[in-house]
Amino acid sequence: MIDNFAIALTHVLMAIALWRLLHRDDLDREVGPRVLWQQQRDAERMAAMAAEAAEDRRSDA
């Protein structure tokens, strides 16, 4: 009886894990390494421009 319960419990837990993995939003999007690099580069550029603008505002005041 315990053996059947242990087997059933592990199978149910694996089914839940599979269900959660298959319903993740990021599985629907293919993002290549080049796109990731471009997004990171653009974010760094925007952060640098924002820091420069903030510094200009401080020097003008």
Foldseek 3Di string as FASTA:
>chain_A
DVVVVVVVVVVVVVVVVVVVVVPDPVVVDDDDPVNVVVVVVVVVVVVVVVVVVVVVVVVVD
